Amino acid sequence: MPIILGMVQSKGGVGKTTTALNLAAEFSRRGKRVEVFDADPAGHAMLVAGDKVQPFAVTALLLEDADTALVAAWAKSIRSASVDIVIIDAPGSMGAAFGATIAISDLALVPSGATIMDVNGAAETVRIIRRHRKTSSKSKPDVLLVPSRIDRRTSAGKEAVATLAALTEPVGPMISYKATVADSLASGETVAPDSPSGQEFAALASAIETRLGI
């Protein structure tokens, strides 16, 4: 069974798809077989991947109804993937796919910008994860908050890590806001591994490996 990373945040526009695709590229470079499941009806991961040749698969797998049988089939499709790591790009809205992603993930990655709306969304997501762990009597998913799209020049950006740490969950390495990231995705590519952004995603991948003990 693959390790499952769920990219979840109740607020949209925080860099879930960007982080999912660039992590997939980084883990692929490390010799892992990776598949990204695009569970967001907006289909951003599928749109970015397009017809480009990537070292990882991107598959659309929507779940728009919380019917027990449908959720079970959706989860089975992910758990049976013949890869080492699955990354689920969940929708920002708190629907069936959002909850199901939390339920089956080994590690929930919660990207958050520095704005109060982003942090509030991260806090809400953490509360939902904790509620799931309590009601299911399980320790999973683990949580890693990801400071994402951070402008280090602003006061909020400089305080982003400390702000997220106040949610009392582990905080991963910062992903800076850079035009090169947006430009690369616009062309259907992930960032160059030797670029500053590539090094940030590599640091995040290393933090995930440490957190999961892999």
Protein backbone atom coordinates (compact mmCIF):
# COMPACT_ATOMS: atom_id res chain seq x y z
CA MET A 1 0.00 0.00 0.00
CA PRO A 2 1.39 3.44 -0.86
CA ILE A 3 2.11 6.19 1.61
CA ILE A 4 -0.74 8.68 1.25
CA LEU A 5 -0.17 12.42 1.51
CA GLY A 6 -3.32 14.52 1.60
CA MET A 7 -3.08 18.14 0.47
CA VAL A 8 -5.93 19.72 2.45
CA GLN A 9 -7.03 23.24 3.36
CA SER A 10 -10.55 24.54 3.78
CA LYS A 11 -9.52 27.78 2.05
CA GLY A 12 -8.56 27.78 -1.61
CA GLY A 13 -5.72 29.65 -3.27
CA VAL A 14 -3.02 28.59 -0.80
CA GLY A 15 -0.84 26.60 -3.18
CA LYS A 16 -2.17 23.04 -2.79
CA THR A 17 -1.77 22.10 -6.45
CA THR A 18 1.61 23.83 -6.77
CA THR A 19 2.91 21.99 -3.73
CA ALA A 20 1.43 18.65 -4.78
CA LEU A 21 3.01 18.69 -8.25
CA ASN A 22 6.40 19.95 -7.12
CA LEU A 23 6.56 17.40 -4.30
CA ALA A 24 5.65 14.69 -6.80
CA ALA A 25 8.53 15.80 -9.02
CA GLU A 26 10.97 15.89 -6.10
CA PHE A 27 10.01 12.45 -4.77
CA SER A 28 10.31 11.10 -8.33
CA ARG A 29 13.85 12.44 -8.49
CA ARG A 30 14.53 10.53 -5.28
CA GLY A 31 13.58 7.28 -6.97
CA LYS A 32 10.01 7.01 -5.67
CA ARG A 33 7.09 5.97 -7.83
CA VAL A 34 4.53 8.74 -7.39
CA GLU A 35 0.95 9.36 -8.47
CA VAL A 36 -1.04 12.55 -7.94
CA PHE A 37 -4.80 12.13 -7.63
CA ASP A 38 -6.70 15.28 -8.56
CA ALA A 39 -9.83 15.17 -6.39
CA ASP A 40 -10.73 18.81 -7.02
CA PRO A 41 -13.59 19.43 -9.51
CA ALA A 42 -11.64 22.49 -10.69
CA GLY A 43 -9.09 20.02 -12.07
CA HIS A 44 -6.08 22.28 -11.67
CA ALA A 45 -3.54 19.46 -11.34
CA MET A 46 -4.85 17.80 -14.49
CA LEU A 47 -4.89 21.15 -16.29
CA VAL A 48 -1.27 21.93 -15.38
CA ALA A 49 -0.05 18.44 -16.24
CA GLY A 50 -1.89 18.53 -19.56
CA ASP A 51 -0.13 16.49 -22.21
CA LYS A 52 3.30 17.16 -20.76
CA VAL A 53 5.53 14.18 -20.03
CA GLN A 54 6.00 14.06 -16.27
CA PRO A 55 8.02 11.57 -14.18
CA PHE A 56 4.81 10.88 -12.26
CA ALA A 57 1.18 10.15 -13.10
CA VAL A 58 -1.66 12.62 -12.59
CA THR A 59 -5.12 11.05 -12.41
CA ALA A 60 -8.52 12.68 -11.95
CA LEU A 61 -10.49 10.97 -9.18
CA LEU A 62 -13.50 12.98 -8.07
CA LEU A 63 -15.78 12.23 -5.13
CA GLU A 64 -18.83 14.45 -5.01
CA ASP A 65 -21.14 12.31 -2.88
CA ALA A 66 -20.52 11.06 0.66
CA ASP A 67 -22.39 7.81 -0.02
CA THR A 68 -20.58 5.06 1.93
CA ALA A 69 -20.14 2.75 -1.05
CA LEU A 70 -18.80 5.54 -3.26
CA VAL A 71 -16.33 6.68 -0.59
CA ALA A 72 -15.14 3.10 -0.10
CA ALA A 73 -14.58 2.62 -3.85
CA TRP A 74 -12.76 5.96 -4.06
CA ALA A 75 -10.49 5.04 -1.15
CA LYS A 76 -9.82 1.59 -2.63
CA SER A 77 -8.71 3.15 -5.93
CA ILE A 78 -6.13 5.21 -4.07
CA ARG A 79 -4.93 2.51 -1.69
CA SER A 80 -4.46 0.07 -4.58
CA ALA A 81 -2.27 2.42 -6.63
CA SER A 82 0.92 0.61 -7.66
CA VAL A 83 3.26 3.36 -6.48
CA ASP A 84 5.30 4.27 -3.42
CA ILE A 85 3.68 7.63 -2.69
CA VAL A 86 0.22 8.99 -3.48
CA ILE A 87 -0.47 12.71 -3.22
CA ILE A 88 -4.14 13.73 -3.14
CA ASP A 89 -4.93 17.27 -4.28
CA ALA A 90 -8.19 17.75 -2.37
CA PRO A 91 -10.73 20.47 -3.11
CA GLY A 92 -10.77 23.55 -0.92
CA SER A 93 -14.47 23.17 -0.15
CA MET A 94 -15.30 20.88 2.73
CA GLY A 95 -17.20 18.24 0.78
CA ALA A 96 -16.96 14.47 0.45
CA ALA A 97 -13.47 14.43 -1.08
CA PHE A 98 -12.12 16.79 1.59
CA GLY A 99 -13.27 14.54 4.42
CA ALA A 100 -12.31 11.32 2.67
CA THR A 101 -8.81 12.62 1.98
CA ILE A 102 -8.33 13.33 5.67
CA ALA A 103 -9.68 9.88 6.57
CA ILE A 104 -7.25 7.89 4.39
CA SER A 105 -4.09 10.02 4.59
CA ASP A 106 -0.99 9.05 6.53
CA LEU A 107 0.08 12.69 6.59
CA ALA A 108 -2.13 15.71 6.02
CA LEU A 109 -0.21 18.60 4.50
CA VAL A 110 -1.95 21.88 5.26
CA PRO A 111 -0.59 24.74 3.11
CA SER A 112 -1.24 28.25 4.39
CA GLY A 113 -0.32 31.72 3.31
CA ALA A 114 0.36 34.51 5.78
CA THR A 115 -3.01 36.28 5.59
CA ILE A 116 -5.54 36.00 8.38
CA MET A 117 -7.95 34.22 6.00
CA ASP A 118 -5.31 31.62 5.11
CA VAL A 119 -4.36 31.01 8.75
CA ASN A 120 -8.02 30.79 9.79
CA GLY A 121 -8.51 28.20 7.05
CA ALA A 122 -5.52 26.23 8.33
CA ALA A 123 -6.86 26.41 11.89
CA GLU A 124 -10.26 25.15 10.74
CA THR A 125 -8.62 22.30 8.83
CA VAL A 126 -6.57 21.30 11.86
CA ARG A 127 -9.73 21.24 13.99
CA ILE A 128 -11.42 18.96 11.46
CA ILE A 129 -8.42 16.61 11.43
CA ARG A 130 -8.33 16.47 15.21
CA ARG A 131 -12.07 15.79 15.32
CA HIS A 132 -11.62 12.93 12.84
CA ARG A 133 -8.83 11.41 14.93
CA LYS A 134 -10.98 11.64 18.05
CA THR A 135 -14.14 10.16 16.56
CA SER A 136 -12.26 7.40 14.70
CA SER A 137 -9.97 6.62 17.66
CA LYS A 138 -7.01 6.68 15.28
CA SER A 139 -3.74 8.58 15.41
CA LYS A 140 -3.80 9.30 11.67
CA PRO A 141 -3.44 11.46 9.82
CA ASP A 142 -0.37 13.16 11.18
CA VAL A 143 -0.24 16.88 10.33
CA LEU A 144 2.40 19.10 8.78
CA LEU A 145 1.57 22.77 8.30
CA VAL A 146 3.26 24.23 5.22
CA PRO A 147 3.94 28.00 5.05
CA SER A 148 3.11 28.53 1.39
CA ARG A 149 3.29 31.43 -1.07
CA ILE A 150 5.07 33.48 1.59
CA ASP A 151 6.47 36.92 0.82
CA ARG A 152 9.40 37.15 3.18
CA ARG A 153 9.57 40.93 2.73
CA THR A 154 6.29 41.57 4.55
CA SER A 155 5.72 41.62 8.30
CA ALA A 156 3.14 38.84 8.00
CA GLY A 157 5.56 36.80 5.90
CA LYS A 158 8.35 37.16 8.42
CA GLU A 159 6.01 35.96 11.17
CA ALA A 160 4.33 33.20 9.15
CA VAL A 161 6.13 30.28 10.79
CA ALA A 162 5.48 31.57 14.31
CA THR A 163 1.84 32.28 13.45
CA LEU A 164 1.29 28.74 12.19
CA ALA A 165 3.25 27.24 15.09
CA ALA A 166 0.59 28.72 17.39
CA LEU A 167 -1.77 26.05 16.01
CA THR A 168 0.40 23.55 17.95
CA GLU A 169 1.12 21.27 15.02
CA PRO A 170 4.50 20.75 13.32
CA VAL A 171 5.44 23.40 10.77
CA GLY A 172 7.43 22.47 7.68
CA PRO A 173 9.95 24.48 5.66
CA MET A 174 8.69 27.66 4.04
CA ILE A 175 7.74 27.85 0.37
CA SER A 176 8.35 31.40 -0.83
CA TYR A 177 6.17 33.34 -3.22
CA LYS A 178 8.18 33.56 -6.44
CA ALA A 179 7.16 34.41 -9.97
CA THR A 180 9.24 31.49 -11.27
CA VAL A 181 6.85 29.02 -9.60
CA ALA A 182 3.78 30.56 -11.28
CA ASP A 183 5.62 30.78 -14.60
CA SER A 184 6.66 27.13 -14.49
CA LEU A 185 3.13 25.93 -13.78
CA ALA A 186 1.73 28.14 -16.54
CA SER A 187 3.95 26.23 -18.97
CA GLY A 188 3.00 22.85 -17.49
CA GLU A 189 6.32 22.28 -15.77
CA THR A 190 7.50 21.93 -12.20
CA VAL A 191 10.31 24.17 -10.94
CA ALA A 192 13.93 23.40 -11.77
CA PRO A 193 15.48 21.32 -8.96
CA ASP A 194 18.56 23.54 -8.77
CA SER A 195 16.54 26.76 -8.45
CA PRO A 196 15.85 28.41 -5.07
CA SER A 197 12.23 27.26 -5.27
CA GLY A 198 13.32 23.76 -6.19
CA GLN A 199 15.52 23.68 -3.11
CA GLU A 200 12.58 24.77 -0.94
CA PHE A 201 10.41 21.93 -2.24
CA ALA A 202 13.32 19.54 -1.68
CA ALA A 203 13.56 20.72 1.93
CA LEU A 204 9.83 20.11 2.34
CA ALA A 205 10.16 16.61 0.87
CA SER A 206 12.96 15.88 3.35
CA ALA A 207 10.80 17.13 6.22
CA ILE A 208 8.00 14.80 5.10
CA GLU A 209 10.39 11.85 4.96
CA THR A 210 11.59 12.65 8.46
CA ARG A 211 8.05 13.03 9.76
CA LEU A 212 7.00 9.68 8.30
CA GLY A 213 10.27 7.90 9.01
CA ILE A 214 10.82 6.86 5.41
